[in-house]
PDB file of N, CA and C in Angstrom:
ATOM      1  N   UNK A   1     -20.074  -5.635 -23.702  1.00  0.00           N
ATOM      2  CA  UNK A   1     -18.782  -6.239 -23.489  1.00  0.00           C
ATOM      3  C   UNK A   1     -18.894  -7.227 -22.329  1.00  0.00           C
ATOM      4  N   UNK A   2     -18.193  -8.309 -22.427  1.00  0.00           N
ATOM      5  CA  UNK A   2     -18.256  -9.329 -21.389  1.00  0.00           C
ATOM      6  C   UNK A   2     -17.651  -8.809 -20.091  1.00  0.00           C
ATOM      7  N   UNK A   3     -18.234  -9.234 -18.989  1.00  0.00           N
ATOM      8  CA  UNK A   3     -17.757  -8.799 -17.684  1.00  0.00           C
ATOM      9  C   UNK A   3     -16.377  -9.346 -17.381  1.00  0.00           C
ATOM     10  N   UNK A   4     -16.030 -10.499 -17.939  1.00  0.00           N
ATOM     11  CA  UNK A   4     -14.714 -11.088 -17.697  1.00  0.00           C
ATOM     12  C   UNK A   4     -13.610 -10.222 -18.293  1.00  0.00           C
ATOM     13  N   UNK A   5     -13.950  -9.373 -19.248  1.00  0.00           N
ATOM     14  CA  UNK A   5     -12.966  -8.497 -19.867  1.00  0.00           C
ATOM     15  C   UNK A   5     -13.072  -7.077 -19.297  1.00  0.00           C
ATOM     16  N   UNK A   6     -14.294  -6.579 -19.178  1.00  0.00           N
ATOM     17  CA  UNK A   6     -14.511  -5.201 -18.749  1.00  0.00           C
ATOM     18  C   UNK A   6     -14.091  -4.961 -17.303  1.00  0.00           C
ATOM     19  N   UNK A   7     -14.441  -5.854 -16.399  1.00  0.00           N
ATOM     20  CA  UNK A   7     -14.161  -5.639 -14.977  1.00  0.00           C
ATOM     21  C   UNK A   7     -12.664  -5.557 -14.671  1.00  0.00           C
ATOM     22  N   UNK A   8     -11.837  -6.494 -15.172  1.00  0.00           N
ATOM     23  CA  UNK A   8     -10.415  -6.355 -14.849  1.00  0.00           C
ATOM     24  C   UNK A   8      -9.753  -5.168 -15.527  1.00  0.00           C
ATOM     25  N   UNK A   9     -10.249  -4.787 -16.699  1.00  0.00           N
ATOM     26  CA  UNK A   9      -9.683  -3.616 -17.362  1.00  0.00           C
ATOM     27  C   UNK A   9      -9.938  -2.377 -16.516  1.00  0.00           C
ATOM     28  N   UNK A  10     -11.160  -2.250 -16.007  1.00  0.00           N
ATOM     29  CA  UNK A  10     -11.463  -1.103 -15.151  1.00  0.00           C
ATOM     30  C   UNK A  10     -10.673  -1.158 -13.855  1.00  0.00           C
ATOM     31  N   UNK A  11     -10.505  -2.348 -13.295  1.00  0.00           N
ATOM     32  CA  UNK A  11      -9.731  -2.469 -12.057  1.00  0.00           C
ATOM     33  C   UNK A  11      -8.263  -2.169 -12.294  1.00  0.00           C
ATOM     34  N   UNK A  12      -7.750  -2.546 -13.435  1.00  0.00           N
ATOM     35  CA  UNK A  12      -6.324  -2.366 -13.694  1.00  0.00           C
ATOM     36  C   UNK A  12      -5.985  -0.930 -14.082  1.00  0.00           C
ATOM     37  N   UNK A  13      -6.801  -0.317 -14.891  1.00  0.00           N
ATOM     38  CA  UNK A  13      -6.419   0.963 -15.456  1.00  0.00           C
ATOM     39  C   UNK A  13      -7.149   2.161 -14.864  1.00  0.00           C
ATOM     40  N   UNK A  14      -8.223   1.940 -14.149  1.00  0.00           N
ATOM     41  CA  UNK A  14      -8.953   3.074 -13.595  1.00  0.00           C
ATOM     42  C   UNK A  14      -8.765   3.107 -12.081  1.00  0.00           C
ATOM     43  N   UNK A  15      -9.500   2.264 -11.388  1.00  0.00           N
ATOM     44  CA  UNK A  15      -9.452   2.240  -9.919  1.00  0.00           C
ATOM     45  C   UNK A  15      -9.640   0.809  -9.465  1.00  0.00           C
ATOM     46  N   UNK A  16      -8.751   0.296  -8.625  1.00  0.00           N
ATOM     47  CA  UNK A  16      -8.971  -1.043  -8.076  1.00  0.00           C
ATOM     48  C   UNK A  16     -10.256  -1.046  -7.247  1.00  0.00           C
ATOM     49  N   UNK A  17     -11.062  -2.054  -7.439  1.00  0.00           N
ATOM     50  CA  UNK A  17     -12.346  -2.151  -6.746  1.00  0.00           C
ATOM     51  C   UNK A  17     -13.516  -1.834  -7.656  1.00  0.00           C
ATOM     52  N   UNK A  18     -13.266  -1.090  -8.718  1.00  0.00           N
ATOM     53  CA  UNK A  18     -14.346  -0.746  -9.644  1.00  0.00           C
ATOM     54  C   UNK A  18     -14.848  -1.983 -10.386  1.00  0.00           C
ATOM     55  N   UNK A  19     -13.963  -2.904 -10.687  1.00  0.00           N
ATOM     56  CA  UNK A  19     -14.368  -4.144 -11.347  1.00  0.00           C
ATOM     57  C   UNK A  19     -15.267  -4.985 -10.455  1.00  0.00           C
ATOM     58  N   UNK A  20     -14.980  -4.991  -9.147  1.00  0.00           N
ATOM     59  CA  UNK A  20     -15.822  -5.736  -8.218  1.00  0.00           C
ATOM     60  C   UNK A  20     -17.210  -5.106  -8.123  1.00  0.00           C
ATOM     61  N   UNK A  21     -17.276  -3.791  -8.167  1.00  0.00           N
ATOM     62  CA  UNK A  21     -18.576  -3.115  -8.126  1.00  0.00           C
ATOM     63  C   UNK A  21     -19.369  -3.438  -9.383  1.00  0.00           C
ATOM     64  N   UNK A  22     -18.723  -3.469 -10.546  1.00  0.00           N
ATOM     65  CA  UNK A  22     -19.407  -3.829 -11.796  1.00  0.00           C
ATOM     66  C   UNK A  22     -19.880  -5.271 -11.760  1.00  0.00           C
ATOM     67  N   UNK A  23     -19.113  -6.130 -11.086  1.00  0.00           N
ATOM     68  CA  UNK A  23     -19.491  -7.539 -10.972  1.00  0.00           C
ATOM     69  C   UNK A  23     -20.512  -7.792  -9.863  1.00  0.00           C
ATOM     70  N   UNK A  24     -21.163  -6.762  -9.412  1.00  0.00           N
ATOM     71  CA  UNK A  24     -22.217  -6.845  -8.381  1.00  0.00           C
ATOM     72  C   UNK A  24     -21.675  -7.336  -7.039  1.00  0.00           C
ATOM     73  N   UNK A  25     -20.496  -6.906  -6.693  1.00  0.00           N
ATOM     74  CA  UNK A  25     -19.883  -7.180  -5.387  1.00  0.00           C
ATOM     75  C   UNK A  25     -19.484  -5.831  -4.760  1.00  0.00           C
ATOM     76  N   UNK A  26     -20.478  -5.001  -4.405  1.00  0.00           N
ATOM     77  CA  UNK A  26     -20.147  -3.642  -3.947  1.00  0.00           C
ATOM     78  C   UNK A  26     -19.357  -3.590  -2.640  1.00  0.00           C
ATOM     79  N   UNK A  27     -19.618  -4.509  -1.727  1.00  0.00           N
ATOM     80  CA  UNK A  27     -18.888  -4.482  -0.456  1.00  0.00           C
ATOM     81  C   UNK A  27     -17.410  -4.772  -0.696  1.00  0.00           C
ATOM     82  N   UNK A  28     -17.129  -5.791  -1.502  1.00  0.00           N
ATOM     83  CA  UNK A  28     -15.745  -6.132  -1.825  1.00  0.00           C
ATOM     84  C   UNK A  28     -15.071  -4.970  -2.564  1.00  0.00           C
ATOM     85  N   UNK A  29     -15.793  -4.337  -3.464  1.00  0.00           N
ATOM     86  CA  UNK A  29     -15.245  -3.206  -4.205  1.00  0.00           C
ATOM     87  C   UNK A  29     -14.955  -2.014  -3.316  1.00  0.00           C
ATOM     88  N   UNK A  30     -15.860  -1.712  -2.390  1.00  0.00           N
ATOM     89  CA  UNK A  30     -15.645  -0.583  -1.494  1.00  0.00           C
ATOM     90  C   UNK A  30     -14.504  -0.851  -0.518  1.00  0.00           C
ATOM     91  N   UNK A  31     -14.368  -2.096  -0.078  1.00  0.00           N
ATOM     92  CA  UNK A  31     -13.232  -2.451   0.783  1.00  0.00           C
ATOM     93  C   UNK A  31     -11.923  -2.260   0.016  1.00  0.00           C
ATOM     94  N   UNK A  32     -11.895  -2.689  -1.237  1.00  0.00           N
ATOM     95  CA  UNK A  32     -10.694  -2.498  -2.059  1.00  0.00           C
ATOM     96  C   UNK A  32     -10.379  -1.015  -2.236  1.00  0.00           C
ATOM     97  N   UNK A  33     -11.400  -0.221  -2.518  1.00  0.00           N
ATOM     98  CA  UNK A  33     -11.195   1.219  -2.680  1.00  0.00           C
ATOM     99  C   UNK A  33     -10.660   1.846  -1.397  1.00  0.00           C
ATOM    100  N   UNK A  34     -11.207   1.446  -0.258  1.00  0.00           N
ATOM    101  CA  UNK A  34     -10.773   1.979   1.027  1.00  0.00           C
ATOM    102  C   UNK A  34      -9.317   1.595   1.309  1.00  0.00           C
ATOM    103  N   UNK A  35      -8.964   0.338   1.053  1.00  0.00           N
ATOM    104  CA  UNK A  35      -7.588  -0.105   1.290  1.00  0.00           C
ATOM    105  C   UNK A  35      -6.598   0.598   0.366  1.00  0.00           C
ATOM    106  N   UNK A  36      -6.983   0.815  -0.889  1.00  0.00           N
ATOM    107  CA  UNK A  36      -6.119   1.542  -1.820  1.00  0.00           C
ATOM    108  C   UNK A  36      -5.871   2.954  -1.301  1.00  0.00           C
ATOM    109  N   UNK A  37      -6.922   3.586  -0.808  1.00  0.00           N
ATOM    110  CA  UNK A  37      -6.783   4.936  -0.275  1.00  0.00           C
ATOM    111  C   UNK A  37      -5.847   4.939   0.943  1.00  0.00           C
ATOM    112  N   UNK A  38      -6.012   3.972   1.837  1.00  0.00           N
ATOM    113  CA  UNK A  38      -5.174   3.888   3.033  1.00  0.00           C
ATOM    114  C   UNK A  38      -3.703   3.674   2.639  1.00  0.00           C
ATOM    115  N   UNK A  39      -3.437   2.723   1.741  1.00  0.00           N
ATOM    116  CA  UNK A  39      -2.064   2.444   1.329  1.00  0.00           C
ATOM    117  C   UNK A  39      -1.445   3.632   0.602  1.00  0.00           C
ATOM    118  N   UNK A  40      -2.220   4.300  -0.230  1.00  0.00           N
ATOM    119  CA  UNK A  40      -1.710   5.438  -0.986  1.00  0.00           C
ATOM    120  C   UNK A  40      -1.357   6.598  -0.053  1.00  0.00           C
ATOM    121  N   UNK A  41      -2.279   6.947   0.825  1.00  0.00           N
ATOM    122  CA  UNK A  41      -2.038   8.059   1.753  1.00  0.00           C
ATOM    123  C   UNK A  41      -0.910   7.697   2.730  1.00  0.00           C
ATOM    124  N   UNK A  42      -0.911   6.467   3.222  1.00  0.00           N
ATOM    125  CA  UNK A  42       0.157   6.036   4.119  1.00  0.00           C
ATOM    126  C   UNK A  42       1.520   6.087   3.451  1.00  0.00           C
ATOM    127  N   UNK A  43       1.576   5.668   2.193  1.00  0.00           N
ATOM    128  CA  UNK A  43       2.831   5.728   1.450  1.00  0.00           C
ATOM    129  C   UNK A  43       3.303   7.152   1.241  1.00  0.00           C
ATOM    130  N   UNK A  44       2.375   8.045   0.903  1.00  0.00           N
ATOM    131  CA  UNK A  44       2.757   9.447   0.712  1.00  0.00           C
ATOM    132  C   UNK A  44       3.241  10.074   2.010  1.00  0.00           C
ATOM    133  N   UNK A  45       2.543   9.794   3.116  1.00  0.00           N
ATOM    134  CA  UNK A  45       2.957  10.368   4.400  1.00  0.00           C
ATOM    135  C   UNK A  45       4.310   9.830   4.857  1.00  0.00           C
ATOM    136  N   UNK A  46       4.533   8.533   4.686  1.00  0.00           N
ATOM    137  CA  UNK A  46       5.811   7.974   5.108  1.00  0.00           C
ATOM    138  C   UNK A  46       6.954   8.450   4.212  1.00  0.00           C
ATOM    139  N   UNK A  47       6.699   8.619   2.923  1.00  0.00           N
ATOM    140  CA  UNK A  47       7.717   9.165   2.029  1.00  0.00           C
ATOM    141  C   UNK A  47       8.005  10.623   2.364  1.00  0.00           C
ATOM    142  N   UNK A  48       6.963  11.372   2.681  1.00  0.00           N
ATOM    143  CA  UNK A  48       7.137  12.763   3.085  1.00  0.00           C
ATOM    144  C   UNK A  48       7.986  12.863   4.342  1.00  0.00           C
ATOM    145  N   UNK A  49       7.740  11.987   5.291  1.00  0.00           N
ATOM    146  CA  UNK A  49       8.521  11.978   6.532  1.00  0.00           C
ATOM    147  C   UNK A  49       9.988  11.639   6.240  1.00  0.00           C
ATOM    148  N   UNK A  50      10.227  10.662   5.360  1.00  0.00           N
ATOM    149  CA  UNK A  50      11.601  10.297   5.007  1.00  0.00           C
ATOM    150  C   UNK A  50      12.313  11.462   4.321  1.00  0.00           C
ATOM    151  N   UNK A  51      11.616  12.177   3.439  1.00  0.00           N
ATOM    152  CA  UNK A  51      12.215  13.341   2.776  1.00  0.00           C
ATOM    153  C   UNK A  51      12.486  14.466   3.774  1.00  0.00           C
ATOM    154  N   UNK A  52      11.561  14.663   4.688  1.00  0.00           N
ATOM    155  CA  UNK A  52      11.738  15.692   5.709  1.00  0.00           C
ATOM    156  C   UNK A  52      12.953  15.383   6.585  1.00  0.00           C
ATOM    157  N   UNK A  53      13.093  14.135   6.972  1.00  0.00           N
ATOM    158  CA  UNK A  53      14.247  13.731   7.777  1.00  0.00           C
ATOM    159  C   UNK A  53      15.547  13.900   6.998  1.00  0.00           C
ATOM    160  N   UNK A  54      15.514  13.638   5.699  1.00  0.00           N
ATOM    161  CA  UNK A  54      16.714  13.804   4.871  1.00  0.00           C
ATOM    162  C   UNK A  54      17.123  15.260   4.781  1.00  0.00           C
ATOM    163  N   UNK A  55      16.157  16.139   4.612  1.00  0.00           N
ATOM    164  CA  UNK A  55      16.454  17.566   4.536  1.00  0.00           C
ATOM    165  C   UNK A  55      16.959  18.070   5.886  1.00  0.00           C
ATOM    166  N   UNK A  56      16.336  17.597   6.968  1.00  0.00           N
ATOM    167  CA  UNK A  56      16.741  18.048   8.296  1.00  0.00           C
ATOM    168  C   UNK A  56      18.127  17.541   8.672  1.00  0.00           C
ATOM    169  N   UNK A  57      18.547  16.431   8.099  1.00  0.00           N
ATOM    170  CA  UNK A  57      19.848  15.870   8.460  1.00  0.00           C
ATOM    171  C   UNK A  57      21.000  16.531   7.721  1.00  0.00           C
ATOM    172  N   UNK A  58      20.708  17.366   6.729  1.00  0.00           N
ATOM    173  CA  UNK A  58      21.781  18.057   6.019  1.00  0.00           C
ATOM    174  C   UNK A  58      22.418  19.079   6.948  1.00  0.00           C
ATOM    175  N   UNK A  59      23.716  19.156   6.948  1.00  0.00           N
ATOM    176  CA  UNK A  59      24.368  20.151   7.816  1.00  0.00           C
ATOM    177  C   UNK A  59      24.051  21.566   7.359  1.00  0.00           C
ATOM    178  N   UNK A  60      23.950  22.464   8.314  1.00  0.00           N
ATOM    179  CA  UNK A  60      23.617  23.862   8.011  1.00  0.00           C
ATOM    180  C   UNK A  60      24.812  24.627   7.457  1.00  0.00           C
ATOM    181  N   UNK A  61      25.972  24.055   7.564  1.00  0.00           N
ATOM    182  CA  UNK A  61      27.162  24.735   7.046  1.00  0.00           C
ATOM    183  C   UNK A  61      27.159  24.702   5.520  1.00  0.00           C
ATOM    184  N   UNK A  62      28.058  25.400   4.943  1.00  0.00           N
ATOM    185  CA  UNK A  62      28.155  25.466   3.488  1.00  0.00           C
ATOM    186  C   UNK A  62      28.870  24.278   2.880  1.00  0.00           C
ATOM    187  N   UNK A  63      28.975  23.201   3.604  1.00  0.00           N
ATOM    188  CA  UNK A  63      29.682  22.015   3.120  1.00  0.00           C
ATOM    189  C   UNK A  63      28.893  21.388   1.970  1.00  0.00           C
ATOM    190  N   UNK A  64      29.469  21.367   0.791  1.00  0.00           N
ATOM    191  CA  UNK A  64      28.772  20.834  -0.375  1.00  0.00           C
ATOM    192  C   UNK A  64      29.046  19.360  -0.593  1.00  0.00           C
ATOM    193  N   UNK A  65      29.922  18.779   0.238  1.00  0.00           N
ATOM    194  CA  UNK A  65      30.233  17.365   0.025  1.00  0.00           C
ATOM    195  C   UNK A  65      29.088  16.464   0.474  1.00  0.00           C
ATOM    196  N   UNK A  66      28.264  16.945   1.390  1.00  0.00           N
ATOM    197  CA  UNK A  66      27.124  16.158   1.859  1.00  0.00           C
ATOM    198  C   UNK A  66      25.881  16.701   1.176  1.00  0.00           C
ATOM    199  N   UNK A  67      25.481  16.095   0.102  1.00  0.00           N
ATOM    200  CA  UNK A  67      24.378  16.624  -0.691  1.00  0.00           C
ATOM    201  C   UNK A  67      23.044  16.003  -0.266  1.00  0.00           C
ATOM    202  N   UNK A  68      21.999  16.582  -0.788  1.00  0.00           N
ATOM    203  CA  UNK A  68      20.658  16.076  -0.507  1.00  0.00           C
ATOM    204  C   UNK A  68      20.492  14.659  -1.032  1.00  0.00           C
ATOM    205  N   UNK A  69      21.059  14.375  -2.187  1.00  0.00           N
ATOM    206  CA  UNK A  69      20.939  13.023  -2.743  1.00  0.00           C
ATOM    207  C   UNK A  69      21.624  12.001  -1.845  1.00  0.00           C
ATOM    208  N   UNK A  70      22.728  12.379  -1.235  1.00  0.00           N
ATOM    209  CA  UNK A  70      23.398  11.476  -0.303  1.00  0.00           C
ATOM    210  C   UNK A  70      22.529  11.281   0.947  1.00  0.00           C
ATOM    211  N   UNK A  71      21.911  12.351   1.422  1.00  0.00           N
ATOM    212  CA  UNK A  71      21.027  12.244   2.593  1.00  0.00           C
ATOM    213  C   UNK A  71      19.837  11.355   2.275  1.00  0.00           C
ATOM    214  N   UNK A  72      19.286  11.473   1.075  1.00  0.00           N
ATOM    215  CA  UNK A  72      18.156  10.637   0.679  1.00  0.00           C
ATOM    216  C   UNK A  72      18.584   9.185   0.521  1.00  0.00           C
ATOM    217  N   UNK A  73      19.793   8.977   0.012  1.00  0.00           N
ATOM    218  CA  UNK A  73      20.299   7.606  -0.119  1.00  0.00           C
ATOM    219  C   UNK A  73      20.512   6.963   1.242  1.00  0.00           C
ATOM    220  N   UNK A  74      20.843   7.770   2.246  1.00  0.00           N
ATOM    221  CA  UNK A  74      21.037   7.260   3.598  1.00  0.00           C
ATOM    222  C   UNK A  74      19.725   7.094   4.357  1.00  0.00           C
ATOM    223  N   UNK A  75      18.638   7.663   3.846  1.00  0.00           N
ATOM    224  CA  UNK A  75      17.346   7.612   4.545  1.00  0.00           C
ATOM    225  C   UNK A  75      16.787   6.192   4.538  1.00  0.00           C
ATOM    226  N   UNK A  76      16.001   5.905   5.547  1.00  0.00           N
ATOM    227  CA  UNK A  76      15.343   4.601   5.648  1.00  0.00           C
ATOM    228  C   UNK A  76      14.015   4.656   4.887  1.00  0.00           C
ATOM    229  N   UNK A  77      13.962   4.014   3.747  1.00  0.00           N
ATOM    230  CA  UNK A  77      12.764   4.018   2.908  1.00  0.00           C
ATOM    231  C   UNK A  77      11.995   2.700   3.002  1.00  0.00           C
ATOM    232  N   UNK A  78      12.188   1.972   4.071  1.00  0.00           N
ATOM    233  CA  UNK A  78      11.535   0.674   4.224  1.00  0.00           C
ATOM    234  C   UNK A  78      10.019   0.815   4.294  1.00  0.00           C
ATOM    235  N   UNK A  79       9.534   1.725   5.119  1.00  0.00           N
ATOM    236  CA  UNK A  79       8.085   1.878   5.280  1.00  0.00           C
ATOM    237  C   UNK A  79       7.403   2.344   3.991  1.00  0.00           C
ATOM    238  N   UNK A  80       7.923   3.383   3.291  1.00  0.00           N
ATOM    239  CA  UNK A  80       7.282   3.748   2.027  1.00  0.00           C
ATOM    240  C   UNK A  80       7.274   2.605   1.004  1.00  0.00           C
ATOM    241  N   UNK A  81       8.357   1.826   0.964  1.00  0.00           N
ATOM    242  CA  UNK A  81       8.394   0.699   0.028  1.00  0.00           C
ATOM    243  C   UNK A  81       7.400  -0.391   0.416  1.00  0.00           C
ATOM    244  N   UNK A  82       7.169  -0.571   1.702  1.00  0.00           N
ATOM    245  CA  UNK A  82       6.150  -1.537   2.141  1.00  0.00           C
ATOM    246  C   UNK A  82       4.757  -1.099   1.688  1.00  0.00           C
ATOM    247  N   UNK A  83       4.479   0.203   1.809  1.00  0.00           N
ATOM    248  CA  UNK A  83       3.181   0.715   1.351  1.00  0.00           C
ATOM    249  C   UNK A  83       3.026   0.542  -0.162  1.00  0.00           C
ATOM    250  N   UNK A  84       4.081   0.809  -0.905  1.00  0.00           N
ATOM    251  CA  UNK A  84       4.037   0.649  -2.367  1.00  0.00           C
ATOM    252  C   UNK A  84       3.824  -0.821  -2.729  1.00  0.00           C
ATOM    253  N   UNK A  85       4.518  -1.713  -2.038  1.00  0.00           N
ATOM    254  CA  UNK A  85       4.350  -3.143  -2.290  1.00  0.00           C
ATOM    255  C   UNK A  85       2.945  -3.624  -1.971  1.00  0.00           C
ATOM    256  N   UNK A  86       2.391  -3.161  -0.853  1.00  0.00           N
ATOM    257  CA  UNK A  86       1.026  -3.545  -0.481  1.00  0.00           C
ATOM    258  C   UNK A  86       0.017  -3.010  -1.492  1.00  0.00           C
ATOM    259  N   UNK A  87       0.239  -1.790  -1.952  1.00  0.00           N
ATOM    260  CA  UNK A  87      -0.652  -1.201  -2.947  1.00  0.00           C
ATOM    261  C   UNK A  87      -0.589  -1.975  -4.261  1.00  0.00           C
ATOM    262  N   UNK A  88       0.610  -2.335  -4.693  1.00  0.00           N
ATOM    263  CA  UNK A  88       0.758  -3.101  -5.934  1.00  0.00           C
ATOM    264  C   UNK A  88       0.122  -4.483  -5.819  1.00  0.00           C
ATOM    265  N   UNK A  89       0.301  -5.125  -4.668  1.00  0.00           N
ATOM    266  CA  UNK A  89      -0.305  -6.439  -4.454  1.00  0.00           C
ATOM    267  C   UNK A  89      -1.823  -6.354  -4.448  1.00  0.00           C
ATOM    268  N   UNK A  90      -2.374  -5.345  -3.781  1.00  0.00           N
ATOM    269  CA  UNK A  90      -3.827  -5.167  -3.759  1.00  0.00           C
ATOM    270  C   UNK A  90      -4.355  -4.893  -5.160  1.00  0.00           C
ATOM    271  N   UNK A  91      -3.634  -4.101  -5.931  1.00  0.00           N
ATOM    272  CA  UNK A  91      -4.043  -3.784  -7.298  1.00  0.00           C
ATOM    273  C   UNK A  91      -4.081  -5.063  -8.140  1.00  0.00           C
ATOM    274  N   UNK A  92      -3.040  -5.864  -8.042  1.00  0.00           N
ATOM    275  CA  UNK A  92      -2.976  -7.109  -8.802  1.00  0.00           C
ATOM    276  C   UNK A  92      -4.086  -8.072  -8.387  1.00  0.00           C
ATOM    277  N   UNK A  93      -4.296  -8.222  -7.088  1.00  0.00           N
ATOM    278  CA  UNK A  93      -5.363  -9.114  -6.615  1.00  0.00           C
ATOM    279  C   UNK A  93      -6.741  -8.621  -7.046  1.00  0.00           C
ATOM    280  N   UNK A  94      -6.919  -7.325  -7.095  1.00  0.00           N
ATOM    281  CA  UNK A  94      -8.193  -6.758  -7.538  1.00  0.00           C
ATOM    282  C   UNK A  94      -8.462  -7.088  -9.009  1.00  0.00           C
ATOM    283  N   UNK A  95      -7.433  -7.000  -9.831  1.00  0.00           N
ATOM    284  CA  UNK A  95      -7.586  -7.326 -11.258  1.00  0.00           C
ATOM    285  C   UNK A  95      -7.904  -8.812 -11.436  1.00  0.00           C
ATOM    286  N   UNK A  96      -7.166  -9.662 -10.746  1.00  0.00           N
ATOM    287  CA  UNK A  96      -7.385 -11.113 -10.868  1.00  0.00           C
ATOM    288  C   UNK A  96      -8.769 -11.493 -10.366  1.00  0.00           C
ATOM    289  N   UNK A  97      -9.163 -10.927  -9.217  1.00  0.00           N
ATOM    290  CA  UNK A  97     -10.483 -11.232  -8.670  1.00  0.00           C
ATOM    291  C   UNK A  97     -11.596 -10.746  -9.598  1.00  0.00           C
ATOM    292  N   UNK A  98     -11.440  -9.564 -10.166  1.00  0.00           N
ATOM    293  CA  UNK A  98     -12.455  -9.043 -11.082  1.00  0.00           C
ATOM    294  C   UNK A  98     -12.572  -9.927 -12.321  1.00  0.00           C
ATOM    295  N   UNK A  99     -11.440 -10.425 -12.810  1.00  0.00           N
ATOM    296  CA  UNK A  99     -11.477 -11.307 -13.977  1.00  0.00           C
ATOM    297  C   UNK A  99     -12.221 -12.600 -13.660  1.00  0.00           C
ATOM    298  N   UNK A 100     -11.858 -13.269 -12.562  1.00  0.00           N
ATOM    299  CA  UNK A 100     -12.479 -14.557 -12.242  1.00  0.00           C
ATOM    300  C   UNK A 100     -13.954 -14.405 -11.899  1.00  0.00           C
ATOM    301  N   UNK A 101     -14.302 -13.352 -11.202  1.00  0.00           N
ATOM    302  CA  UNK A 101     -15.710 -13.118 -10.872  1.00  0.00           C
ATOM    303  C   UNK A 101     -16.503 -12.785 -12.133  1.00  0.00           C
ATOM    304  N   UNK A 102     -15.922 -11.969 -13.021  1.00  0.00           N
ATOM    305  CA  UNK A 102     -16.595 -11.659 -14.281  1.00  0.00           C
ATOM    306  C   UNK A 102     -16.744 -12.887 -15.157  1.00  0.00           C
ATOM    307  N   UNK A 103     -15.741 -13.731 -15.164  1.00  0.00           N
ATOM    308  CA  UNK A 103     -15.818 -14.976 -15.942  1.00  0.00           C
ATOM    309  C   UNK A 103     -16.912 -15.894 -15.398  1.00  0.00           C
ATOM    310  N   UNK A 104     -16.981 -15.973 -14.059  1.00  0.00           N
ATOM    311  CA  UNK A 104     -18.024 -16.802 -13.431  1.00  0.00           C
ATOM    312  C   UNK A 104     -19.411 -16.258 -13.772  1.00  0.00           C
ATOM    313  N   UNK A 105     -19.581 -14.953 -13.762  1.00  0.00           N
ATOM    314  CA  UNK A 105     -20.878 -14.374 -14.108  1.00  0.00           C
ATOM    315  C   UNK A 105     -21.203 -14.569 -15.576  1.00  0.00           C
ATOM    316  N   UNK A 106     -20.201 -14.464 -16.455  1.00  0.00           N
ATOM    317  CA  UNK A 106     -20.435 -14.672 -17.880  1.00  0.00           C
ATOM    318  C   UNK A 106     -20.843 -16.108 -18.166  1.00  0.00           C
ATOM    319  N   UNK A 107     -20.221 -17.076 -17.491  1.00  0.00           N
ATOM    320  CA  UNK A 107     -20.566 -18.490 -17.705  1.00  0.00           C
ATOM    321  C   UNK A 107     -21.959 -18.816 -17.178  1.00  0.00           C
ATOM    322  N   UNK A 108     -22.365 -18.106 -16.126  1.00  0.00           N
ATOM    323  CA  UNK A 108     -23.677 -18.374 -15.550  1.00  0.00           C
ATOM    324  C   UNK A 108     -24.792 -17.822 -16.440  1.00  0.00           C
ATOM    325  N   UNK A 109     -24.517 -16.750 -17.186  1.00  0.00           N
ATOM    326  CA  UNK A 109     -25.544 -16.134 -18.030  1.00  0.00           C
ATOM    327  C   UNK A 109     -25.737 -16.846 -19.322  1.00  0.00           C
TER     328      UNK A 109
END
């Protein structure tokens, strides 16, 4: 299968950075893998913190008018959304880069 097709498919559907490794760019691929891991873990930790703050902000009384969903709606989800956006952007750039690099290698062969 041509690298211009195989590399972006692997980057898009399996793991970002895998297409770069297949295209003989291991450093670029490992950097992508490392950044994906950082963004993913950072997003999970920041979302966990936002959920924890939402649960902690619920009153201890039996008041049912202030629900967990309202507390979550009031929570600041800016940081988790930034991590998700960065992860999506890195994923997209990884697919595009794998395609162009694979195309360049296919044309050279």
